[in-house]
Amino acid sequence: MSIPTSAFGGQPVRPMRSYWLLFVIEGLVLLVLGALAIVVPPIATLGITIFIGWLLLISGVVGLVMTFAARHAPGFWWSLVSGLLGVAAGLVLLAWPVSGALSLTLVLTAFFIVEGVASIMYALDHRRQLSGRWGWMLFSGIVDLVLAAIIIAGFPGTALWALGTLVGINMIFGGASLIGIGLHARGTT
């Protein structure tokens, strides 16, 4: 009988039961952070905007460094444009996070619209093929369109809470999932 090993280095894999408490702790942290994001969504929205600003700035700078290091490689000018765009977008979000939150909210709204339409079409395609459970996908698409309509109807005021609230909800569901996994792993042998 062989001992299970990790795909990333051949190290022996410990049973999930060994880590159950870590999953529960991480889940609890996510629950608390998610609840805070929902209770104070404007602060969470600004925090998310600033975080994305730093991500874009750092990725742009790294992209520029790599572009100039490989300046004789094909695609130099496209890589240069990409790096400059990352730096510029990051600086804009960091310099004007409130305006950045407005822009990110519009991007989120566009995503909900496209995702909603795609989900509805996907569901209808499955209905024609007589596959089961297509109604859940249809419902998901409708929810996406309703969220987009709510954000558009209240814009620009919704920019204060939309990002923070939605990230908070995501964190709560992620935290609850981790707690569930941890508690289940605790009971396994």
N, C-alpha and C. Protein backbone atom coordinates (compact mmCIF):
# COMPACT_ATOMS: atom_id res chain seq x y z
N MET A 1 0.85 -1.19 0.00
CA MET A 1 0.00 0.00 0.00
C MET A 1 0.89 1.23 0.00
N SER A 2 0.63 2.16 -0.92
CA SER A 2 1.45 3.36 -1.00
C SER A 2 0.81 4.49 -0.21
N ILE A 3 1.65 5.41 0.26
CA ILE A 3 1.19 6.59 1.00
C ILE A 3 0.86 7.67 -0.02
N PRO A 4 -0.33 8.31 0.09
CA PRO A 4 -0.67 9.38 -0.86
C PRO A 4 0.36 10.50 -0.79
N THR A 5 0.71 11.05 -1.98
CA THR A 5 1.67 12.14 -2.03
C THR A 5 1.06 13.33 -2.74
N SER A 6 1.64 14.50 -2.46
CA SER A 6 1.20 15.73 -3.09
C SER A 6 1.64 15.77 -4.54
N ALA A 7 0.82 16.36 -5.39
CA ALA A 7 1.18 16.51 -6.80
C ALA A 7 2.26 17.57 -6.99
N PHE A 8 2.53 18.37 -5.97
CA PHE A 8 3.47 19.49 -6.10
C PHE A 8 4.81 19.24 -5.45
N GLY A 9 5.21 18.04 -5.27
CA GLY A 9 6.53 17.83 -4.70
C GLY A 9 6.74 16.44 -4.15
N GLY A 10 5.78 15.60 -4.25
CA GLY A 10 5.94 14.23 -3.80
C GLY A 10 5.99 14.05 -2.30
N GLN A 11 5.66 15.10 -1.55
CA GLN A 11 5.65 14.99 -0.09
C GLN A 11 4.42 14.19 0.35
N PRO A 12 4.56 13.40 1.41
CA PRO A 12 3.39 12.66 1.90
C PRO A 12 2.27 13.61 2.30
N VAL A 13 1.04 13.24 1.98
CA VAL A 13 -0.13 14.04 2.29
C VAL A 13 -0.68 13.60 3.64
N ARG A 14 -0.86 14.57 4.54
CA ARG A 14 -1.48 14.26 5.83
C ARG A 14 -2.98 14.24 5.64
N PRO A 15 -3.67 13.44 6.42
CA PRO A 15 -5.13 13.41 6.29
C PRO A 15 -5.75 14.76 6.63
N MET A 16 -6.89 15.05 6.01
CA MET A 16 -7.59 16.32 6.25
C MET A 16 -7.86 16.55 7.73
N ARG A 17 -8.05 15.48 8.45
CA ARG A 17 -8.36 15.62 9.88
C ARG A 17 -7.27 16.40 10.61
N SER A 18 -6.03 16.30 10.14
CA SER A 18 -4.92 17.01 10.77
C SER A 18 -5.07 18.52 10.67
N TYR A 19 -5.84 18.98 9.70
CA TYR A 19 -5.92 20.42 9.43
C TYR A 19 -7.29 21.02 9.75
N TRP A 20 -8.18 20.26 10.35
CA TRP A 20 -9.56 20.72 10.51
C TRP A 20 -9.63 22.06 11.22
N LEU A 21 -8.82 22.25 12.26
CA LEU A 21 -8.90 23.49 13.03
C LEU A 21 -8.44 24.69 12.20
N LEU A 22 -7.45 24.51 11.33
CA LEU A 22 -7.00 25.61 10.47
C LEU A 22 -8.12 26.06 9.54
N PHE A 23 -8.87 25.10 8.99
CA PHE A 23 -10.00 25.45 8.13
C PHE A 23 -11.05 26.23 8.90
N VAL A 24 -11.34 25.80 10.11
CA VAL A 24 -12.35 26.48 10.93
C VAL A 24 -11.89 27.89 11.28
N ILE A 25 -10.62 28.04 11.66
CA ILE A 25 -10.11 29.37 12.01
C ILE A 25 -10.16 30.31 10.80
N GLU A 26 -9.70 29.82 9.64
CA GLU A 26 -9.76 30.66 8.45
C GLU A 26 -11.20 31.01 8.10
N GLY A 27 -12.10 30.05 8.25
CA GLY A 27 -13.51 30.31 7.99
C GLY A 27 -14.08 31.37 8.91
N LEU A 28 -13.73 31.30 10.19
CA LEU A 28 -14.21 32.30 11.14
C LEU A 28 -13.67 33.69 10.82
N VAL A 29 -12.39 33.77 10.42
CA VAL A 29 -11.81 35.06 10.05
C VAL A 29 -12.56 35.63 8.84
N LEU A 30 -12.83 34.79 7.84
CA LEU A 30 -13.57 35.26 6.67
C LEU A 30 -14.98 35.70 7.04
N LEU A 31 -15.63 34.97 7.95
CA LEU A 31 -16.96 35.37 8.39
C LEU A 31 -16.95 36.75 9.03
N VAL A 32 -15.98 36.98 9.91
CA VAL A 32 -15.89 38.26 10.60
C VAL A 32 -15.59 39.39 9.60
N LEU A 33 -14.60 39.17 8.70
CA LEU A 33 -14.27 40.19 7.71
C LEU A 33 -15.44 40.44 6.76
N GLY A 34 -16.12 39.38 6.36
CA GLY A 34 -17.29 39.53 5.49
C GLY A 34 -18.39 40.32 6.16
N ALA A 35 -18.64 40.03 7.44
CA ALA A 35 -19.67 40.77 8.18
C ALA A 35 -19.28 42.24 8.30
N LEU A 36 -18.00 42.52 8.57
CA LEU A 36 -17.55 43.91 8.65
C LEU A 36 -17.73 44.62 7.31
N ALA A 37 -17.43 43.93 6.21
CA ALA A 37 -17.59 44.53 4.89
C ALA A 37 -19.05 44.86 4.61
N ILE A 38 -19.96 44.03 5.10
CA ILE A 38 -21.39 44.28 4.89
C ILE A 38 -21.89 45.38 5.82
N VAL A 39 -21.37 45.43 7.04
CA VAL A 39 -21.81 46.45 8.00
C VAL A 39 -21.29 47.84 7.61
N VAL A 40 -20.08 47.91 7.07
CA VAL A 40 -19.47 49.18 6.70
C VAL A 40 -19.01 49.10 5.23
N PRO A 41 -19.96 48.97 4.30
CA PRO A 41 -19.57 48.77 2.90
C PRO A 41 -18.77 49.92 2.27
N PRO A 42 -18.98 51.19 2.65
CA PRO A 42 -18.14 52.22 2.01
C PRO A 42 -16.66 52.05 2.31
N ILE A 43 -16.33 51.67 3.53
CA ILE A 43 -14.92 51.46 3.89
C ILE A 43 -14.38 50.24 3.14
N ALA A 44 -15.17 49.18 3.07
CA ALA A 44 -14.74 47.99 2.33
C ALA A 44 -14.57 48.30 0.85
N THR A 45 -15.47 49.09 0.29
CA THR A 45 -15.37 49.47 -1.13
C THR A 45 -14.09 50.25 -1.39
N LEU A 46 -13.78 51.23 -0.53
CA LEU A 46 -12.53 51.98 -0.70
C LEU A 46 -11.32 51.08 -0.53
N GLY A 47 -11.38 50.18 0.44
CA GLY A 47 -10.27 49.24 0.65
C GLY A 47 -10.04 48.36 -0.57
N ILE A 48 -11.12 47.87 -1.16
CA ILE A 48 -11.02 47.03 -2.36
C ILE A 48 -10.44 47.84 -3.51
N THR A 49 -10.91 49.07 -3.67
CA THR A 49 -10.42 49.93 -4.75
C THR A 49 -8.93 50.19 -4.60
N ILE A 50 -8.49 50.51 -3.39
CA ILE A 50 -7.07 50.77 -3.14
C ILE A 50 -6.25 49.50 -3.36
N PHE A 51 -6.76 48.36 -2.92
CA PHE A 51 -6.06 47.09 -3.12
C PHE A 51 -5.89 46.80 -4.61
N ILE A 52 -6.94 46.98 -5.38
CA ILE A 52 -6.86 46.75 -6.83
C ILE A 52 -5.89 47.75 -7.46
N GLY A 53 -5.89 48.98 -6.96
CA GLY A 53 -4.94 49.98 -7.45
C GLY A 53 -3.50 49.52 -7.26
N TRP A 54 -3.19 49.02 -6.07
CA TRP A 54 -1.83 48.52 -5.82
C TRP A 54 -1.50 47.31 -6.69
N LEU A 55 -2.47 46.41 -6.86
CA LEU A 55 -2.23 45.25 -7.73
C LEU A 55 -1.89 45.68 -9.15
N LEU A 56 -2.66 46.63 -9.68
CA LEU A 56 -2.41 47.10 -11.04
C LEU A 56 -1.07 47.82 -11.14
N LEU A 57 -0.77 48.66 -10.16
CA LEU A 57 0.49 49.40 -10.18
C LEU A 57 1.68 48.44 -10.14
N ILE A 58 1.66 47.51 -9.21
CA ILE A 58 2.78 46.56 -9.08
C ILE A 58 2.90 45.69 -10.33
N SER A 59 1.77 45.19 -10.83
CA SER A 59 1.85 44.34 -12.03
C SER A 59 2.33 45.16 -13.23
N GLY A 60 1.95 46.43 -13.32
CA GLY A 60 2.43 47.27 -14.41
C GLY A 60 3.92 47.52 -14.33
N VAL A 61 4.42 47.81 -13.13
CA VAL A 61 5.85 48.03 -12.95
C VAL A 61 6.64 46.76 -13.28
N VAL A 62 6.18 45.63 -12.79
CA VAL A 62 6.86 44.36 -13.09
C VAL A 62 6.82 44.09 -14.59
N GLY A 63 5.67 44.37 -15.21
CA GLY A 63 5.55 44.20 -16.65
C GLY A 63 6.52 45.07 -17.42
N LEU A 64 6.69 46.32 -16.98
CA LEU A 64 7.64 47.21 -17.64
C LEU A 64 9.07 46.73 -17.48
N VAL A 65 9.41 46.30 -16.27
CA VAL A 65 10.77 45.79 -16.04
C VAL A 65 11.03 44.59 -16.94
N MET A 66 10.10 43.66 -17.02
CA MET A 66 10.27 42.48 -17.86
C MET A 66 10.30 42.86 -19.34
N THR A 67 9.50 43.84 -19.72
CA THR A 67 9.47 44.28 -21.12
C THR A 67 10.83 44.82 -21.54
N PHE A 68 11.43 45.66 -20.70
CA PHE A 68 12.72 46.23 -21.06
C PHE A 68 13.84 45.20 -20.95
N ALA A 69 13.68 44.24 -20.05
CA ALA A 69 14.68 43.16 -19.94
C ALA A 69 14.66 42.29 -21.20
N ALA A 70 13.51 42.14 -21.82
CA ALA A 70 13.37 41.31 -23.02
C ALA A 70 12.98 42.19 -24.21
N ARG A 71 13.61 43.35 -24.32
CA ARG A 71 13.20 44.34 -25.33
C ARG A 71 13.38 43.86 -26.77
N HIS A 72 14.17 42.82 -26.99
CA HIS A 72 14.37 42.32 -28.35
C HIS A 72 13.41 41.18 -28.68
N ALA A 73 12.57 40.81 -27.73
CA ALA A 73 11.60 39.74 -27.98
C ALA A 73 10.44 40.28 -28.80
N PRO A 74 9.75 39.42 -29.52
CA PRO A 74 8.58 39.88 -30.28
C PRO A 74 7.51 40.46 -29.35
N GLY A 75 6.78 41.42 -29.84
CA GLY A 75 5.68 42.00 -29.08
C GLY A 75 6.09 43.06 -28.08
N PHE A 76 7.29 43.63 -28.25
CA PHE A 76 7.79 44.63 -27.31
C PHE A 76 6.81 45.78 -27.10
N TRP A 77 6.31 46.35 -28.20
CA TRP A 77 5.45 47.53 -28.09
C TRP A 77 4.13 47.20 -27.41
N TRP A 78 3.57 46.03 -27.69
CA TRP A 78 2.31 45.64 -27.02
C TRP A 78 2.54 45.42 -25.53
N SER A 79 3.67 44.82 -25.21
CA SER A 79 4.01 44.60 -23.81
C SER A 79 4.24 45.93 -23.09
N LEU A 80 4.88 46.86 -23.80
CA LEU A 80 5.11 48.19 -23.23
C LEU A 80 3.79 48.90 -22.96
N VAL A 81 2.87 48.86 -23.90
CA VAL A 81 1.55 49.47 -23.72
C VAL A 81 0.83 48.84 -22.53
N SER A 82 0.89 47.51 -22.43
CA SER A 82 0.23 46.80 -21.33
C SER A 82 0.80 47.23 -19.98
N GLY A 83 2.11 47.30 -19.87
CA GLY A 83 2.74 47.71 -18.61
C GLY A 83 2.40 49.14 -18.24
N LEU A 84 2.45 50.04 -19.23
CA LEU A 84 2.10 51.44 -18.97
C LEU A 84 0.64 51.59 -18.56
N LEU A 85 -0.23 50.82 -19.20
CA LEU A 85 -1.65 50.86 -18.85
C LEU A 85 -1.86 50.40 -17.40
N GLY A 86 -1.16 49.34 -16.99
CA GLY A 86 -1.27 48.86 -15.61
C GLY A 86 -0.81 49.91 -14.61
N VAL A 87 0.32 50.55 -14.90
CA VAL A 87 0.83 51.60 -14.01
C VAL A 87 -0.16 52.76 -13.96
N ALA A 88 -0.65 53.20 -15.10
CA ALA A 88 -1.57 54.33 -15.15
C ALA A 88 -2.87 54.02 -14.39
N ALA A 89 -3.45 52.85 -14.65
CA ALA A 89 -4.70 52.48 -13.97
C ALA A 89 -4.49 52.38 -12.46
N GLY A 90 -3.37 51.80 -12.05
CA GLY A 90 -3.08 51.69 -10.62
C GLY A 90 -2.93 53.05 -9.97
N LEU A 91 -2.20 53.95 -10.63
CA LEU A 91 -2.03 55.30 -10.08
C LEU A 91 -3.35 56.05 -9.99
N VAL A 92 -4.19 55.91 -10.98
CA VAL A 92 -5.51 56.57 -10.96
C VAL A 92 -6.34 56.06 -9.79
N LEU A 93 -6.38 54.74 -9.61
CA LEU A 93 -7.18 54.18 -8.50
C LEU A 93 -6.62 54.61 -7.15
N LEU A 94 -5.31 54.70 -7.02
CA LEU A 94 -4.71 55.12 -5.75
C LEU A 94 -4.87 56.61 -5.49
N ALA A 95 -4.81 57.42 -6.54
CA ALA A 95 -4.93 58.86 -6.38
C ALA A 95 -6.38 59.30 -6.14
N TRP A 96 -7.32 58.63 -6.79
CA TRP A 96 -8.73 58.99 -6.69
C TRP A 96 -9.57 57.74 -6.42
N PRO A 97 -9.48 57.18 -5.21
CA PRO A 97 -10.18 55.92 -4.95
C PRO A 97 -11.71 56.02 -5.04
N VAL A 98 -12.27 57.18 -4.74
CA VAL A 98 -13.73 57.30 -4.84
C VAL A 98 -14.17 57.23 -6.30
N SER A 99 -13.47 57.95 -7.16
CA SER A 99 -13.76 57.87 -8.59
C SER A 99 -13.48 56.46 -9.10
N GLY A 100 -12.43 55.86 -8.57
CA GLY A 100 -12.11 54.48 -8.94
C GLY A 100 -13.22 53.52 -8.56
N ALA A 101 -13.81 53.75 -7.39
CA ALA A 101 -14.93 52.89 -6.95
C ALA A 101 -16.11 53.04 -7.91
N LEU A 102 -16.33 54.26 -8.41
CA LEU A 102 -17.39 54.46 -9.40
C LEU A 102 -17.11 53.64 -10.66
N SER A 103 -15.88 53.72 -11.14
CA SER A 103 -15.50 52.98 -12.35
C SER A 103 -15.61 51.48 -12.14
N LEU A 104 -15.09 51.01 -11.01
CA LEU A 104 -15.16 49.57 -10.73
C LEU A 104 -16.60 49.09 -10.60
N THR A 105 -17.46 49.94 -10.06
CA THR A 105 -18.88 49.58 -9.94
C THR A 105 -19.51 49.46 -11.33
N LEU A 106 -19.14 50.35 -12.24
CA LEU A 106 -19.65 50.25 -13.61
C LEU A 106 -19.16 48.97 -14.29
N VAL A 107 -17.89 48.63 -14.06
CA VAL A 107 -17.35 47.38 -14.62
C VAL A 107 -18.09 46.18 -14.04
N LEU A 108 -18.34 46.21 -12.73
CA LEU A 108 -19.09 45.13 -12.08
C LEU A 108 -20.49 45.02 -12.66
N THR A 109 -21.13 46.15 -12.91
CA THR A 109 -22.48 46.16 -13.49
C THR A 109 -22.46 45.56 -14.89
N ALA A 110 -21.48 45.94 -15.70
CA ALA A 110 -21.37 45.37 -17.05
C ALA A 110 -21.16 43.85 -16.97
N PHE A 111 -20.34 43.42 -16.01
CA PHE A 111 -20.12 41.99 -15.82
C PHE A 111 -21.43 41.28 -15.49
N PHE A 112 -22.21 41.85 -14.56
CA PHE A 112 -23.49 41.23 -14.18
C PHE A 112 -24.43 41.14 -15.38
N ILE A 113 -24.45 42.16 -16.23
CA ILE A 113 -25.34 42.13 -17.40
C ILE A 113 -24.91 41.03 -18.36
N VAL A 114 -23.63 41.00 -18.70
CA VAL A 114 -23.14 39.99 -19.65
C VAL A 114 -23.29 38.59 -19.06
N GLU A 115 -22.91 38.43 -17.81
CA GLU A 115 -23.03 37.13 -17.15
C GLU A 115 -24.49 36.69 -17.05
N GLY A 116 -25.38 37.62 -16.76
CA GLY A 116 -26.80 37.29 -16.65
C GLY A 116 -27.38 36.82 -17.97
N VAL A 117 -27.09 37.55 -19.03
CA VAL A 117 -27.59 37.17 -20.36
C VAL A 117 -26.99 35.81 -20.76
N ALA A 118 -25.69 35.64 -20.56
CA ALA A 118 -25.05 34.37 -20.92
C ALA A 118 -25.64 33.21 -20.12
N SER A 119 -25.89 33.41 -18.85
CA SER A 119 -26.46 32.35 -18.01
C SER A 119 -27.88 31.99 -18.46
N ILE A 120 -28.66 32.99 -18.79
CA ILE A 120 -30.03 32.74 -19.25
C ILE A 120 -30.01 31.96 -20.57
N MET A 121 -29.15 32.37 -21.49
CA MET A 121 -29.06 31.68 -22.78
C MET A 121 -28.57 30.25 -22.59
N TYR A 122 -27.61 30.07 -21.69
CA TYR A 122 -27.09 28.74 -21.37
C TYR A 122 -28.22 27.87 -20.83
N ALA A 123 -29.01 28.43 -19.92
CA ALA A 123 -30.13 27.68 -19.32
C ALA A 123 -31.15 27.30 -20.38
N LEU A 124 -31.49 28.23 -21.24
CA LEU A 124 -32.48 27.95 -22.29
C LEU A 124 -31.96 26.90 -23.27
N ASP A 125 -30.68 26.93 -23.54
CA ASP A 125 -30.09 25.91 -24.41
C ASP A 125 -30.19 24.53 -23.75
N HIS A 126 -29.97 24.46 -22.45
CA HIS A 126 -30.10 23.19 -21.74
C HIS A 126 -31.55 22.73 -21.67
N ARG A 127 -32.47 23.67 -21.58
CA ARG A 127 -33.88 23.30 -21.54
C ARG A 127 -34.27 22.62 -22.85
N ARG A 128 -33.80 23.15 -23.95
CA ARG A 128 -34.10 22.55 -25.26
C ARG A 128 -33.54 21.15 -25.39
N GLN A 129 -32.45 20.89 -24.70
CA GLN A 129 -31.82 19.57 -24.76
C GLN A 129 -32.39 18.63 -23.70
N LEU A 130 -33.38 19.10 -22.97
CA LEU A 130 -34.07 18.32 -21.93
C LEU A 130 -33.15 17.87 -20.80
N SER A 131 -32.08 18.64 -20.54
CA SER A 131 -31.23 18.30 -19.41
C SER A 131 -31.85 18.89 -18.14
N GLY A 132 -31.66 18.21 -17.03
CA GLY A 132 -32.28 18.63 -15.78
C GLY A 132 -31.58 19.79 -15.12
N ARG A 133 -32.27 20.40 -14.24
CA ARG A 133 -31.75 21.48 -13.38
C ARG A 133 -31.40 22.76 -14.13
N TRP A 134 -31.90 22.97 -15.31
CA TRP A 134 -31.61 24.19 -16.05
C TRP A 134 -32.23 25.40 -15.38
N GLY A 135 -33.25 25.19 -14.59
CA GLY A 135 -33.93 26.29 -13.91
C GLY A 135 -33.03 27.04 -12.94
N TRP A 136 -32.08 26.34 -12.32
CA TRP A 136 -31.15 27.00 -11.40
C TRP A 136 -30.25 27.98 -12.15
N MET A 137 -29.81 27.59 -13.34
CA MET A 137 -28.98 28.49 -14.15
C MET A 137 -29.80 29.68 -14.62
N LEU A 138 -31.05 29.45 -14.98
CA LEU A 138 -31.93 30.54 -15.38
C LEU A 138 -32.11 31.52 -14.23
N PHE A 139 -32.35 30.99 -13.04
CA PHE A 139 -32.51 31.82 -11.84
C PHE A 139 -31.24 32.63 -11.58
N SER A 140 -30.07 32.00 -11.72
CA SER A 140 -28.80 32.69 -11.51
C SER A 140 -28.65 33.86 -12.49
N GLY A 141 -29.02 33.66 -13.74
CA GLY A 141 -28.95 34.73 -14.74
C GLY A 141 -29.89 35.87 -14.42
N ILE A 142 -31.09 35.54 -13.96
CA ILE A 142 -32.07 36.57 -13.59
C ILE A 142 -31.56 37.38 -12.39
N VAL A 143 -30.96 36.69 -11.41
CA VAL A 143 -30.40 37.39 -10.24
C VAL A 143 -29.30 38.35 -10.69
N ASP A 144 -28.44 37.92 -11.62
CA ASP A 144 -27.40 38.81 -12.12
C ASP A 144 -27.99 40.06 -12.74
N LEU A 145 -29.06 39.90 -13.54
CA LEU A 145 -29.69 41.06 -14.19
C LEU A 145 -30.37 41.97 -13.17
N VAL A 146 -30.97 41.38 -12.15
CA VAL A 146 -31.61 42.18 -11.10
C VAL A 146 -30.55 42.98 -10.33
N LEU A 147 -29.42 42.33 -10.01
CA LEU A 147 -28.34 43.05 -9.33
C LEU A 147 -27.84 44.22 -10.18
N ALA A 148 -27.67 43.98 -11.48
CA ALA A 148 -27.23 45.06 -12.38
C ALA A 148 -28.25 46.19 -12.39
N ALA A 149 -29.54 45.85 -12.43
CA ALA A 149 -30.59 46.88 -12.45
C ALA A 149 -30.59 47.69 -11.15
N ILE A 150 -30.39 47.02 -10.02
CA ILE A 150 -30.34 47.72 -8.73
C ILE A 150 -29.17 48.69 -8.70
N ILE A 151 -28.01 48.23 -9.17
CA ILE A 151 -26.82 49.09 -9.17
C ILE A 151 -27.03 50.28 -10.10
N ILE A 152 -27.57 50.04 -11.31
CA ILE A 152 -27.79 51.13 -12.27
C ILE A 152 -28.83 52.11 -11.75
N ALA A 153 -29.90 51.61 -11.15
CA ALA A 153 -30.98 52.48 -10.67
C ALA A 153 -30.50 53.45 -9.60
N GLY A 154 -29.56 53.03 -8.78
CA GLY A 154 -29.10 53.89 -7.69
C GLY A 154 -27.77 54.56 -7.94
N PHE A 155 -27.22 54.38 -9.14
CA PHE A 155 -25.89 54.92 -9.42
C PHE A 155 -25.92 56.44 -9.43
N PRO A 156 -24.99 57.14 -8.86
CA PRO A 156 -23.69 56.74 -8.37
C PRO A 156 -23.67 56.32 -6.90
N GLY A 157 -24.80 56.48 -6.21
CA GLY A 157 -24.85 56.13 -4.79
C GLY A 157 -24.53 54.67 -4.51
N THR A 158 -24.90 53.78 -5.42
CA THR A 158 -24.63 52.36 -5.20
C THR A 158 -23.14 52.05 -5.20
N ALA A 159 -22.34 52.93 -5.79
CA ALA A 159 -20.89 52.70 -5.81
C ALA A 159 -20.32 52.70 -4.39
N LEU A 160 -21.01 53.35 -3.46
CA LEU A 160 -20.53 53.37 -2.07
C LEU A 160 -20.64 52.02 -1.38
N TRP A 161 -21.61 51.21 -1.81
CA TRP A 161 -21.83 49.97 -1.07
C TRP A 161 -21.71 48.70 -1.92
N ALA A 162 -21.83 48.79 -3.22
CA ALA A 162 -21.93 47.58 -4.05
C ALA A 162 -20.71 46.68 -3.92
N LEU A 163 -19.52 47.21 -4.15
CA LEU A 163 -18.32 46.37 -4.09
C LEU A 163 -18.11 45.77 -2.70
N GLY A 164 -18.21 46.62 -1.67
CA GLY A 164 -17.99 46.15 -0.30
C GLY A 164 -19.00 45.10 0.11
N THR A 165 -20.26 45.33 -0.22
CA THR A 165 -21.31 44.38 0.16
C THR A 165 -21.13 43.05 -0.56
N LEU A 166 -20.88 43.09 -1.86
CA LEU A 166 -20.76 41.85 -2.62
C LEU A 166 -19.52 41.06 -2.22
N VAL A 167 -18.41 41.75 -1.97
CA VAL A 167 -17.22 41.05 -1.48
C VAL A 167 -17.48 40.48 -0.09
N GLY A 168 -18.20 41.23 0.76
CA GLY A 168 -18.55 40.73 2.08
C GLY A 168 -19.40 39.47 2.01
N ILE A 169 -20.38 39.46 1.13
CA ILE A 169 -21.23 38.27 0.96
C ILE A 169 -20.39 37.09 0.50
N ASN A 170 -19.49 37.35 -0.46
CA ASN A 170 -18.60 36.30 -0.94
C ASN A 170 -17.74 35.75 0.20
N MET A 171 -17.21 36.62 1.05
CA MET A 171 -16.38 36.18 2.17
C MET A 171 -17.18 35.35 3.17
N ILE A 172 -18.42 35.74 3.41
CA ILE A 172 -19.26 34.99 4.34
C ILE A 172 -19.52 33.58 3.81
N PHE A 173 -19.87 33.47 2.53
CA PHE A 173 -20.11 32.14 1.97
C PHE A 173 -18.82 31.32 1.95
N GLY A 174 -17.70 31.95 1.60
CA GLY A 174 -16.42 31.24 1.61
C GLY A 174 -16.05 30.79 3.02
N GLY A 175 -16.25 31.67 4.00
CA GLY A 175 -15.95 31.31 5.38
C GLY A 175 -16.83 30.18 5.89
N ALA A 176 -18.12 30.25 5.58
CA ALA A 176 -19.02 29.18 6.00
C ALA A 176 -18.63 27.85 5.36
N SER A 177 -18.20 27.90 4.10
CA SER A 177 -17.77 26.68 3.42
C SER A 177 -16.54 26.08 4.10
N LEU A 178 -15.57 26.93 4.44
CA LEU A 178 -14.36 26.44 5.10
C LEU A 178 -14.67 25.85 6.48
N ILE A 179 -15.57 26.49 7.21
CA ILE A 179 -15.96 25.96 8.51
C ILE A 179 -16.62 24.59 8.33
N GLY A 180 -17.49 24.48 7.34
CA GLY A 180 -18.14 23.19 7.07
C GLY A 180 -17.14 22.11 6.71
N ILE A 181 -16.16 22.45 5.87
CA ILE A 181 -15.13 21.48 5.49
C ILE A 181 -14.32 21.07 6.71
N GLY A 182 -13.93 22.05 7.53
CA GLY A 182 -13.14 21.77 8.72
C GLY A 182 -13.88 20.88 9.71
N LEU A 183 -15.14 21.21 9.96
CA LEU A 183 -15.90 20.41 10.93
C LEU A 183 -16.16 19.00 10.40
N HIS A 184 -16.35 18.88 9.09
CA HIS A 184 -16.52 17.54 8.51
C HIS A 184 -15.22 16.75 8.61
N ALA A 185 -14.09 17.42 8.32
CA ALA A 185 -12.79 16.75 8.38
C ALA A 185 -12.46 16.30 9.80
N ARG A 186 -12.92 17.06 10.79
CA ARG A 186 -12.65 16.69 12.19
C ARG A 186 -13.25 15.34 12.51
N GLY A 187 -14.41 15.04 11.93
CA GLY A 187 -15.10 13.80 12.22
C GLY A 187 -14.65 12.61 11.39
N THR A 188 -13.77 12.84 10.39
CA THR A 188 -13.32 11.72 9.55
C THR A 188 -12.15 11.01 10.18
N THR A 189 -11.93 9.80 9.75
CA THR A 189 -10.80 9.04 10.29
C THR A 189 -9.67 8.94 9.33
